[in-house]
PDB file of all heavy atoms in Angstrom:
ATOM      1  N   LEU A   1       5.080  -9.436 -10.573  1.00  0.00           N
ATOM      2  CA  LEU A   1       4.515  -9.926  -9.287  1.00  0.00           C
ATOM      3  C   LEU A   1       3.030 -10.300  -9.482  1.00  0.00           C
ATOM      4  O   LEU A   1       2.635 -11.370  -8.967  1.00  0.00           O
ATOM      5  CB  LEU A   1       4.640  -8.854  -8.226  1.00  0.00           C
ATOM      6  CG  LEU A   1       6.080  -8.578  -7.739  1.00  0.00           C
ATOM      7  CD1 LEU A   1       6.079  -7.302  -6.876  1.00  0.00           C
ATOM      8  CD2 LEU A   1       6.657  -9.764  -6.948  1.00  0.00           C
ATOM      9  N   MET A   2       2.279  -9.511 -10.172  1.00  0.00           N
ATOM     10  CA  MET A   2       0.867  -9.819 -10.352  1.00  0.00           C
ATOM     11  C   MET A   2       0.653 -11.046 -11.192  1.00  0.00           C
ATOM     12  O   MET A   2      -0.198 -11.882 -10.912  1.00  0.00           O
ATOM     13  CB  MET A   2       0.151  -8.593 -10.878  1.00  0.00           C
ATOM     14  CG  MET A   2       0.146  -7.461  -9.881  1.00  0.00           C
ATOM     15  SD  MET A   2      -0.629  -5.938 -10.430  1.00  0.00           S
ATOM     16  CE  MET A   2      -2.330  -6.424 -10.291  1.00  0.00           C
ATOM     17  N   GLU A   3       1.451 -11.192 -12.241  1.00  0.00           N
ATOM     18  CA  GLU A   3       1.384 -12.376 -13.113  1.00  0.00           C
ATOM     19  C   GLU A   3       1.785 -13.647 -12.355  1.00  0.00           C
ATOM     20  O   GLU A   3       1.141 -14.676 -12.472  1.00  0.00           O
ATOM     21  CB  GLU A   3       2.255 -12.196 -14.359  1.00  0.00           C
ATOM     22  CG  GLU A   3       1.725 -11.227 -15.348  1.00  0.00           C
ATOM     23  CD  GLU A   3       2.713 -10.968 -16.472  1.00  0.00           C
ATOM     24  OE1 GLU A   3       3.701 -11.740 -16.648  1.00  0.00           O
ATOM     25  OE2 GLU A   3       2.490  -9.977 -17.215  1.00  0.00           O
ATOM     26  N   THR A   4       2.860 -13.519 -11.580  1.00  0.00           N
ATOM     27  CA  THR A   4       3.363 -14.664 -10.837  1.00  0.00           C
ATOM     28  C   THR A   4       2.436 -15.064  -9.711  1.00  0.00           C
ATOM     29  O   THR A   4       2.322 -16.241  -9.397  1.00  0.00           O
ATOM     30  CB  THR A   4       4.768 -14.341 -10.313  1.00  0.00           C
ATOM     31  OG1 THR A   4       5.592 -14.002 -11.426  1.00  0.00           O
ATOM     32  CG2 THR A   4       5.405 -15.540  -9.619  1.00  0.00           C
ATOM     33  N   LYS A   5       1.781 -14.110  -9.117  1.00  0.00           N
ATOM     34  CA  LYS A   5       0.853 -14.383  -8.011  1.00  0.00           C
ATOM     35  C   LYS A   5      -0.173 -15.409  -8.396  1.00  0.00           C
ATOM     36  O   LYS A   5      -0.499 -16.326  -7.650  1.00  0.00           O
ATOM     37  CB  LYS A   5       0.191 -13.050  -7.588  1.00  0.00           C
ATOM     38  CG  LYS A   5      -0.830 -13.210  -6.518  1.00  0.00           C
ATOM     39  CD  LYS A   5      -0.261 -13.186  -5.170  1.00  0.00           C
ATOM     40  CE  LYS A   5      -1.335 -13.180  -4.107  1.00  0.00           C
ATOM     41  NZ  LYS A   5      -0.987 -14.046  -2.995  1.00  0.00           N
ATOM     42  N   VAL A   6      -0.731 -15.279  -9.580  1.00  0.00           N
ATOM     43  CA  VAL A   6      -1.795 -16.204 -10.006  1.00  0.00           C
ATOM     44  C   VAL A   6      -1.215 -17.573 -10.442  1.00  0.00           C
ATOM     45  O   VAL A   6      -1.939 -18.584 -10.410  1.00  0.00           O
ATOM     46  CB  VAL A   6      -2.677 -15.621 -11.135  1.00  0.00           C
ATOM     47  CG1 VAL A   6      -3.431 -14.423 -10.629  1.00  0.00           C
ATOM     48  CG2 VAL A   6      -1.876 -15.286 -12.363  1.00  0.00           C
ATOM     49  N   LYS A   7       0.068 -17.617 -10.774  1.00  0.00           N
ATOM     50  CA  LYS A   7       0.690 -18.866 -11.214  1.00  0.00           C
ATOM     51  C   LYS A   7       1.283 -19.688 -10.082  1.00  0.00           C
ATOM     52  O   LYS A   7       1.415 -20.904 -10.158  1.00  0.00           O
ATOM     53  CB  LYS A   7       1.785 -18.574 -12.218  1.00  0.00           C
ATOM     54  CG  LYS A   7       1.344 -17.989 -13.518  1.00  0.00           C
ATOM     55  CD  LYS A   7       2.562 -17.668 -14.384  1.00  0.00           C
ATOM     56  CE  LYS A   7       2.182 -16.882 -15.601  1.00  0.00           C
ATOM     57  NZ  LYS A   7       3.368 -16.479 -16.355  1.00  0.00           N
ATOM     58  N   ALA A   8       1.653 -18.999  -8.984  1.00  0.00           N
ATOM     59  CA  ALA A   8       2.374 -19.696  -7.877  1.00  0.00           C
ATOM     60  C   ALA A   8       1.442 -20.586  -7.116  1.00  0.00           C
ATOM     61  O   ALA A   8       0.283 -20.270  -6.848  1.00  0.00           O
ATOM     62  CB  ALA A   8       2.983 -18.648  -6.956  1.00  0.00           C
ATOM     63  N   ARG A   9       1.940 -21.764  -6.759  1.00  0.00           N
ATOM     64  CA  ARG A   9       1.173 -22.655  -5.912  1.00  0.00           C
ATOM     65  C   ARG A   9       0.996 -22.066  -4.527  1.00  0.00           C
ATOM     66  O   ARG A   9       1.906 -21.481  -3.973  1.00  0.00           O
ATOM     67  CB  ARG A   9       1.911 -24.026  -5.784  1.00  0.00           C
ATOM     68  CG  ARG A   9       1.915 -24.881  -7.024  1.00  0.00           C
ATOM     69  CD  ARG A   9       2.444 -26.279  -6.806  1.00  0.00           C
ATOM     70  NE  ARG A   9       3.296 -26.477  -5.650  1.00  0.00           N
ATOM     71  CZ  ARG A   9       4.634 -26.360  -5.658  1.00  0.00           C
ATOM     72  NH1 ARG A   9       5.286 -26.009  -6.765  1.00  0.00           N
ATOM     73  NH2 ARG A   9       5.333 -26.573  -4.585  1.00  0.00           N
ATOM     74  N   PRO A  10      -0.175 -22.261  -3.961  1.00  0.00           N
ATOM     75  CA  PRO A  10      -0.410 -21.765  -2.584  1.00  0.00           C
ATOM     76  C   PRO A  10       0.623 -22.337  -1.609  1.00  0.00           C
ATOM     77  O   PRO A  10       0.975 -23.506  -1.687  1.00  0.00           O
ATOM     78  CB  PRO A  10      -1.809 -22.218  -2.272  1.00  0.00           C
ATOM     79  CG  PRO A  10      -2.484 -22.437  -3.584  1.00  0.00           C
ATOM     80  CD  PRO A  10      -1.357 -22.896  -4.529  1.00  0.00           C
ATOM     81  N   GLU A  11       1.056 -21.492  -0.730  1.00  0.00           N
ATOM     82  CA  GLU A  11       2.038 -21.863   0.320  1.00  0.00           C
ATOM     83  C   GLU A  11       3.413 -22.227  -0.203  1.00  0.00           C
ATOM     84  O   GLU A  11       4.247 -22.719   0.562  1.00  0.00           O
ATOM     85  CB  GLU A  11       1.482 -23.036   1.179  1.00  0.00           C
ATOM     86  CG  GLU A  11       0.165 -22.724   1.849  1.00  0.00           C
ATOM     87  CD  GLU A  11       0.213 -21.592   2.824  1.00  0.00           C
ATOM     88  OE1 GLU A  11       1.186 -21.469   3.581  1.00  0.00           O
ATOM     89  OE2 GLU A  11      -0.729 -20.753   2.793  1.00  0.00           O
ATOM     90  N   SER A  12       3.670 -22.025  -1.498  1.00  0.00           N
ATOM     91  CA  SER A  12       5.000 -22.320  -2.053  1.00  0.00           C
ATOM     92  C   SER A  12       5.968 -21.218  -1.695  1.00  0.00           C
ATOM     93  O   SER A  12       5.579 -20.101  -1.307  1.00  0.00           O
ATOM     94  CB  SER A  12       4.909 -22.460  -3.557  1.00  0.00           C
ATOM     95  OG  SER A  12       4.606 -21.225  -4.159  1.00  0.00           O
ATOM     96  N   GLY A  13       7.257 -21.500  -1.814  1.00  0.00           N
ATOM     97  CA  GLY A  13       8.272 -20.481  -1.602  1.00  0.00           C
ATOM     98  C   GLY A  13       8.102 -19.315  -2.555  1.00  0.00           C
ATOM     99  O   GLY A  13       8.312 -18.146  -2.169  1.00  0.00           O
ATOM    100  N   LEU A  14       7.672 -19.619  -3.774  1.00  0.00           N
ATOM    101  CA  LEU A  14       7.465 -18.567  -4.750  1.00  0.00           C
ATOM    102  C   LEU A  14       6.318 -17.651  -4.329  1.00  0.00           C
ATOM    103  O   LEU A  14       6.428 -16.422  -4.424  1.00  0.00           O
ATOM    104  CB  LEU A  14       7.193 -19.189  -6.128  1.00  0.00           C
ATOM    105  CG  LEU A  14       7.084 -18.171  -7.302  1.00  0.00           C
ATOM    106  CD1 LEU A  14       8.310 -17.314  -7.438  1.00  0.00           C
ATOM    107  CD2 LEU A  14       6.791 -18.938  -8.591  1.00  0.00           C
ATOM    108  N   GLU A  15       5.271 -18.205  -3.818  1.00  0.00           N
ATOM    109  CA  GLU A  15       4.155 -17.384  -3.379  1.00  0.00           C
ATOM    110  C   GLU A  15       4.568 -16.554  -2.158  1.00  0.00           C
ATOM    111  O   GLU A  15       4.218 -15.347  -2.079  1.00  0.00           O
ATOM    112  CB  GLU A  15       2.931 -18.248  -3.004  1.00  0.00           C
ATOM    113  CG  GLU A  15       1.750 -17.369  -2.581  1.00  0.00           C
ATOM    114  CD  GLU A  15       0.568 -18.093  -2.008  1.00  0.00           C
ATOM    115  OE1 GLU A  15       0.775 -18.891  -1.062  1.00  0.00           O
ATOM    116  OE2 GLU A  15      -0.524 -17.886  -2.499  1.00  0.00           O
ATOM    117  N   LYS A  16       5.309 -17.134  -1.255  1.00  0.00           N
ATOM    118  CA  LYS A  16       5.765 -16.389  -0.047  1.00  0.00           C
ATOM    119  C   LYS A  16       6.679 -15.220  -0.437  1.00  0.00           C
ATOM    120  O   LYS A  16       6.545 -14.117   0.092  1.00  0.00           O
ATOM    121  CB  LYS A  16       6.433 -17.319   0.925  1.00  0.00           C
ATOM    122  CG  LYS A  16       5.451 -18.260   1.581  1.00  0.00           C
ATOM    123  CD  LYS A  16       6.183 -19.275   2.476  1.00  0.00           C
ATOM    124  CE  LYS A  16       5.137 -20.239   3.050  1.00  0.00           C
ATOM    125  NZ  LYS A  16       5.745 -21.313   3.799  1.00  0.00           N
ATOM    126  N   ALA A  17       7.580 -15.445  -1.348  1.00  0.00           N
ATOM    127  CA  ALA A  17       8.494 -14.374  -1.816  1.00  0.00           C
ATOM    128  C   ALA A  17       7.675 -13.278  -2.499  1.00  0.00           C
ATOM    129  O   ALA A  17       7.905 -12.077  -2.257  1.00  0.00           O
ATOM    130  CB  ALA A  17       9.562 -14.953  -2.761  1.00  0.00           C
ATOM    131  N   ASN A  18       6.761 -13.690  -3.320  1.00  0.00           N
ATOM    132  CA  ASN A  18       5.908 -12.753  -4.039  1.00  0.00           C
ATOM    133  C   ASN A  18       5.061 -11.953  -3.049  1.00  0.00           C
ATOM    134  O   ASN A  18       4.993 -10.694  -3.143  1.00  0.00           O
ATOM    135  CB  ASN A  18       5.001 -13.544  -4.998  1.00  0.00           C
ATOM    136  CG  ASN A  18       4.263 -12.647  -5.958  1.00  0.00           C
ATOM    137  OD1 ASN A  18       3.483 -11.780  -5.533  1.00  0.00           O
ATOM    138  ND2 ASN A  18       4.471 -12.839  -7.251  1.00  0.00           N
ATOM    139  N   ASN A  19       4.498 -12.607  -2.085  1.00  0.00           N
ATOM    140  CA  ASN A  19       3.645 -11.913  -1.079  1.00  0.00           C
ATOM    141  C   ASN A  19       4.425 -10.870  -0.296  1.00  0.00           C
ATOM    142  O   ASN A  19       3.915  -9.850   0.077  1.00  0.00           O
ATOM    143  CB  ASN A  19       2.988 -12.904  -0.125  1.00  0.00           C
ATOM    144  CG  ASN A  19       1.844 -13.676  -0.751  1.00  0.00           C
ATOM    145  OD1 ASN A  19       1.322 -13.281  -1.813  1.00  0.00           O
ATOM    146  ND2 ASN A  19       1.431 -14.732  -0.130  1.00  0.00           N
ATOM    147  N   TYR A  20       5.683 -11.181   0.018  1.00  0.00           N
ATOM    148  CA  TYR A  20       6.523 -10.225   0.760  1.00  0.00           C
ATOM    149  C   TYR A  20       6.549  -8.923  -0.007  1.00  0.00           C
ATOM    150  O   TYR A  20       6.329  -7.837   0.569  1.00  0.00           O
ATOM    151  CB  TYR A  20       7.940 -10.784   0.979  1.00  0.00           C
ATOM    152  CG  TYR A  20       8.800  -9.782   1.710  1.00  0.00           C
ATOM    153  CD1 TYR A  20       8.858  -9.792   3.120  1.00  0.00           C
ATOM    154  CD2 TYR A  20       9.567  -8.854   1.031  1.00  0.00           C
ATOM    155  CE1 TYR A  20       9.658  -8.897   3.792  1.00  0.00           C
ATOM    156  CE2 TYR A  20      10.365  -7.924   1.708  1.00  0.00           C
ATOM    157  CZ  TYR A  20      10.395  -7.975   3.083  1.00  0.00           C
ATOM    158  OH  TYR A  20      11.183  -7.043   3.766  1.00  0.00           O
ATOM    159  N   SER A  21       6.886  -8.978  -1.284  1.00  0.00           N
ATOM    160  CA  SER A  21       6.984  -7.749  -2.076  1.00  0.00           C
ATOM    161  C   SER A  21       5.608  -7.063  -2.239  1.00  0.00           C
ATOM    162  O   SER A  21       5.490  -5.836  -2.114  1.00  0.00           O
ATOM    163  CB  SER A  21       7.597  -8.019  -3.468  1.00  0.00           C
ATOM    164  OG  SER A  21       8.928  -8.382  -3.327  1.00  0.00           O
ATOM    165  N   MET A  22       4.609  -7.860  -2.508  1.00  0.00           N
ATOM    166  CA  MET A  22       3.257  -7.252  -2.664  1.00  0.00           C
ATOM    167  C   MET A  22       2.786  -6.620  -1.386  1.00  0.00           C
ATOM    168  O   MET A  22       2.201  -5.518  -1.393  1.00  0.00           O
ATOM    169  CB  MET A  22       2.282  -8.332  -3.112  1.00  0.00           C
ATOM    170  CG  MET A  22       2.521  -8.875  -4.526  1.00  0.00           C
ATOM    171  SD  MET A  22       2.352  -7.697  -5.855  1.00  0.00           S
ATOM    172  CE  MET A  22       0.579  -7.631  -5.967  1.00  0.00           C
ATOM    173  N   ASN A  23       3.027  -7.274  -0.225  1.00  0.00           N
ATOM    174  CA  ASN A  23       2.568  -6.718   1.045  1.00  0.00           C
ATOM    175  C   ASN A  23       3.309  -5.491   1.476  1.00  0.00           C
ATOM    176  O   ASN A  23       2.845  -4.695   2.292  1.00  0.00           O
ATOM    177  CB  ASN A  23       2.688  -7.793   2.128  1.00  0.00           C
ATOM    178  CG  ASN A  23       1.710  -8.933   1.960  1.00  0.00           C
ATOM    179  OD1 ASN A  23       0.685  -8.785   1.263  1.00  0.00           O
ATOM    180  ND2 ASN A  23       1.990 -10.076   2.529  1.00  0.00           N
ATOM    181  N   HIS A  24       4.529  -5.298   0.948  1.00  0.00           N
ATOM    182  CA  HIS A  24       5.348  -4.134   1.252  1.00  0.00           C
ATOM    183  C   HIS A  24       5.446  -3.144   0.107  1.00  0.00           C
ATOM    184  O   HIS A  24       6.253  -2.207   0.133  1.00  0.00           O
ATOM    185  CB  HIS A  24       6.753  -4.603   1.674  1.00  0.00           C
ATOM    186  CG  HIS A  24       6.770  -5.357   2.951  1.00  0.00           C
ATOM    187  ND1 HIS A  24       6.583  -6.713   2.978  1.00  0.00           N
ATOM    188  CD2 HIS A  24       6.890  -4.945   4.222  1.00  0.00           C
ATOM    189  CE1 HIS A  24       6.618  -7.138   4.222  1.00  0.00           C
ATOM    190  NE2 HIS A  24       6.787  -6.090   5.021  1.00  0.00           N
ATOM    191  N   TRP A  25       4.624  -3.278  -0.906  1.00  0.00           N
ATOM    192  CA  TRP A  25       4.739  -2.509  -2.127  1.00  0.00           C
ATOM    193  C   TRP A  25       4.717  -1.019  -1.902  1.00  0.00           C
ATOM    194  O   TRP A  25       5.544  -0.304  -2.464  1.00  0.00           O
ATOM    195  CB  TRP A  25       3.638  -2.930  -3.110  1.00  0.00           C
ATOM    196  CG  TRP A  25       3.903  -2.318  -4.467  1.00  0.00           C
ATOM    197  CD1 TRP A  25       3.215  -1.290  -5.041  1.00  0.00           C
ATOM    198  CD2 TRP A  25       4.920  -2.690  -5.368  1.00  0.00           C
ATOM    199  NE1 TRP A  25       3.778  -0.996  -6.277  1.00  0.00           N
ATOM    200  CE2 TRP A  25       4.804  -1.877  -6.489  1.00  0.00           C
ATOM    201  CE3 TRP A  25       5.927  -3.680  -5.336  1.00  0.00           C
ATOM    202  CZ2 TRP A  25       5.686  -1.957  -7.570  1.00  0.00           C
ATOM    203  CZ3 TRP A  25       6.775  -3.766  -6.428  1.00  0.00           C
ATOM    204  CH2 TRP A  25       6.645  -2.905  -7.529  1.00  0.00           C
ATOM    205  N   ASN A  26       3.808  -0.523  -1.157  1.00  0.00           N
ATOM    206  CA  ASN A  26       3.710   0.907  -0.906  1.00  0.00           C
ATOM    207  C   ASN A  26       5.028   1.467  -0.386  1.00  0.00           C
ATOM    208  O   ASN A  26       5.571   2.468  -0.862  1.00  0.00           O
ATOM    209  CB  ASN A  26       2.553   1.228   0.032  1.00  0.00           C
ATOM    210  CG  ASN A  26       2.310   2.738   0.116  1.00  0.00           C
ATOM    211  OD1 ASN A  26       2.386   3.444  -0.881  1.00  0.00           O
ATOM    212  ND2 ASN A  26       2.024   3.182   1.323  1.00  0.00           N
ATOM    213  N   GLY A  27       5.608   0.774   0.597  1.00  0.00           N
ATOM    214  CA  GLY A  27       6.883   1.226   1.166  1.00  0.00           C
ATOM    215  C   GLY A  27       8.067   0.979   0.258  1.00  0.00           C
ATOM    216  O   GLY A  27       9.051   1.714   0.292  1.00  0.00           O
ATOM    217  N   LEU A  28       8.013  -0.080  -0.598  1.00  0.00           N
ATOM    218  CA  LEU A  28       9.098  -0.347  -1.504  1.00  0.00           C
ATOM    219  C   LEU A  28       9.182   0.750  -2.612  1.00  0.00           C
ATOM    220  O   LEU A  28      10.257   0.993  -3.159  1.00  0.00           O
ATOM    221  CB  LEU A  28       8.899  -1.692  -2.210  1.00  0.00           C
ATOM    222  CG  LEU A  28       9.268  -2.936  -1.382  1.00  0.00           C
ATOM    223  CD1 LEU A  28       8.780  -4.191  -2.059  1.00  0.00           C
ATOM    224  CD2 LEU A  28      10.761  -3.010  -1.124  1.00  0.00           C
ATOM    225  N   THR A  29       8.063   1.378  -2.918  1.00  0.00           N
ATOM    226  CA  THR A  29       8.047   2.363  -4.010  1.00  0.00           C
ATOM    227  C   THR A  29       8.222   3.798  -3.574  1.00  0.00           C
ATOM    228  O   THR A  29       8.286   4.699  -4.386  1.00  0.00           O
ATOM    229  CB  THR A  29       6.756   2.225  -4.850  1.00  0.00           C
ATOM    230  OG1 THR A  29       5.639   2.396  -3.989  1.00  0.00           O
ATOM    231  CG2 THR A  29       6.695   0.851  -5.517  1.00  0.00           C
ATOM    232  N   LYS A  30       8.321   4.045  -2.268  1.00  0.00           N
ATOM    233  CA  LYS A  30       8.490   5.420  -1.759  1.00  0.00           C
ATOM    234  C   LYS A  30       9.762   6.081  -2.260  1.00  0.00           C
ATOM    235  O   LYS A  30       9.860   7.286  -2.430  1.00  0.00           O
ATOM    236  CB  LYS A  30       8.483   5.423  -0.205  1.00  0.00           C
ATOM    237  CG  LYS A  30       7.197   4.950   0.359  1.00  0.00           C
ATOM    238  CD  LYS A  30       6.435   6.096   0.921  1.00  0.00           C
ATOM    239  CE  LYS A  30       5.312   5.474   1.704  1.00  0.00           C
ATOM    240  NZ  LYS A  30       4.117   5.987   1.779  1.00  0.00           N
ATOM    241  N   PHE A  31      10.793   5.284  -2.513  1.00  0.00           N
ATOM    242  CA  PHE A  31      12.085   5.854  -2.983  1.00  0.00           C
ATOM    243  C   PHE A  31      11.949   6.603  -4.289  1.00  0.00           C
ATOM    244  O   PHE A  31      12.713   7.498  -4.580  1.00  0.00           O
ATOM    245  CB  PHE A  31      13.125   4.718  -3.097  1.00  0.00           C
ATOM    246  CG  PHE A  31      13.075   3.952  -4.382  1.00  0.00           C
ATOM    247  CD1 PHE A  31      13.962   4.190  -5.419  1.00  0.00           C
ATOM    248  CD2 PHE A  31      12.102   2.971  -4.584  1.00  0.00           C
ATOM    249  CE1 PHE A  31      13.892   3.500  -6.615  1.00  0.00           C
ATOM    250  CE2 PHE A  31      12.070   2.249  -5.740  1.00  0.00           C
ATOM    251  CZ  PHE A  31      12.960   2.500  -6.778  1.00  0.00           C
ATOM    252  N   LEU A  32      10.938   6.246  -5.083  1.00  0.00           N
ATOM    253  CA  LEU A  32      10.743   6.861  -6.384  1.00  0.00           C
ATOM    254  C   LEU A  32      10.436   8.363  -6.280  1.00  0.00           C
ATOM    255  O   LEU A  32      10.786   9.146  -7.154  1.00  0.00           O
ATOM    256  CB  LEU A  32       9.637   6.186  -7.191  1.00  0.00           C
ATOM    257  CG  LEU A  32       9.908   4.770  -7.624  1.00  0.00           C
ATOM    258  CD1 LEU A  32       8.666   4.124  -8.172  1.00  0.00           C
ATOM    259  CD2 LEU A  32      11.053   4.719  -8.657  1.00  0.00           C
ATOM    260  N   LYS A  33       9.849   8.762  -5.195  1.00  0.00           N
ATOM    261  CA  LYS A  33       9.427  10.167  -5.010  1.00  0.00           C
ATOM    262  C   LYS A  33      10.370  10.988  -4.139  1.00  0.00           C
ATOM    263  O   LYS A  33      10.261  12.190  -4.075  1.00  0.00           O
ATOM    264  CB  LYS A  33       8.010  10.194  -4.416  1.00  0.00           C
ATOM    265  CG  LYS A  33       6.963   9.541  -5.192  1.00  0.00           C
ATOM    266  CD  LYS A  33       6.635  10.312  -6.455  1.00  0.00           C
ATOM    267  CE  LYS A  33       5.506   9.613  -7.212  1.00  0.00           C
ATOM    268  NZ  LYS A  33       5.588   9.879  -8.612  1.00  0.00           N
ATOM    269  N   ASP A  34      11.244  10.301  -3.439  1.00  0.00           N
ATOM    270  CA  ASP A  34      12.163  11.008  -2.485  1.00  0.00           C
ATOM    271  C   ASP A  34      13.582  10.509  -2.664  1.00  0.00           C
ATOM    272  O   ASP A  34      13.893   9.410  -2.239  1.00  0.00           O
ATOM    273  CB  ASP A  34      11.688  10.784  -1.054  1.00  0.00           C
ATOM    274  CG  ASP A  34      12.484  11.590  -0.028  1.00  0.00           C
ATOM    275  OD1 ASP A  34      13.534  12.145  -0.376  1.00  0.00           O
ATOM    276  OD2 ASP A  34      12.005  11.677   1.128  1.00  0.00           O
ATOM    277  N   PRO A  35      14.447  11.321  -3.269  1.00  0.00           N
ATOM    278  CA  PRO A  35      15.813  10.853  -3.511  1.00  0.00           C
ATOM    279  C   PRO A  35      16.641  10.638  -2.248  1.00  0.00           C
ATOM    280  O   PRO A  35      17.697  10.007  -2.298  1.00  0.00           O
ATOM    281  CB  PRO A  35      16.434  11.984  -4.363  1.00  0.00           C
ATOM    282  CG  PRO A  35      15.626  13.196  -4.037  1.00  0.00           C
ATOM    283  CD  PRO A  35      14.214  12.687  -3.719  1.00  0.00           C
ATOM    284  N   LYS A  36      16.121  11.091  -1.097  1.00  0.00           N
ATOM    285  CA  LYS A  36      16.849  10.863   0.145  1.00  0.00           C
ATOM    286  C   LYS A  36      16.550   9.502   0.753  1.00  0.00           C
ATOM    287  O   LYS A  36      17.190   9.106   1.724  1.00  0.00           O
ATOM    288  CB  LYS A  36      16.532  12.002   1.129  1.00  0.00           C
ATOM    289  CG  LYS A  36      17.144  13.333   0.633  1.00  0.00           C
ATOM    290  CD  LYS A  36      16.917  14.430   1.562  1.00  0.00           C
ATOM    291  CE  LYS A  36      17.536  15.693   0.984  1.00  0.00           C
ATOM    292  NZ  LYS A  36      17.027  16.903   1.562  1.00  0.00           N
ATOM    293  N   ILE A  37      15.544   8.808   0.194  1.00  0.00           N
ATOM    294  CA  ILE A  37      15.269   7.441   0.649  1.00  0.00           C
ATOM    295  C   ILE A  37      16.139   6.498  -0.133  1.00  0.00           C
ATOM    296  O   ILE A  37      16.025   6.433  -1.353  1.00  0.00           O
ATOM    297  CB  ILE A  37      13.782   7.090   0.487  1.00  0.00           C
ATOM    298  CG1 ILE A  37      12.881   8.015   1.338  1.00  0.00           C
ATOM    299  CG2 ILE A  37      13.510   5.612   0.848  1.00  0.00           C
ATOM    300  CD1 ILE A  37      11.401   7.800   1.118  1.00  0.00           C
ATOM    301  N   PRO A  38      17.034   5.782   0.486  1.00  0.00           N
ATOM    302  CA  PRO A  38      17.884   4.843  -0.224  1.00  0.00           C
ATOM    303  C   PRO A  38      17.084   3.668  -0.734  1.00  0.00           C
ATOM    304  O   PRO A  38      15.996   3.354  -0.271  1.00  0.00           O
ATOM    305  CB  PRO A  38      18.936   4.408   0.799  1.00  0.00           C
ATOM    306  CG  PRO A  38      18.481   4.947   2.119  1.00  0.00           C
ATOM    307  CD  PRO A  38      17.328   5.827   1.930  1.00  0.00           C
TER     308      PRO A  38
END
């Protein structure tokens, strides 16, 4: 995600998809610490 962020054209679909994951990163990684989070 970090490598792609700098390569993606601004406002492109790739940048938007990348931003979604980056903007939600903290919540996306919570599952790693709690097996009850699917």
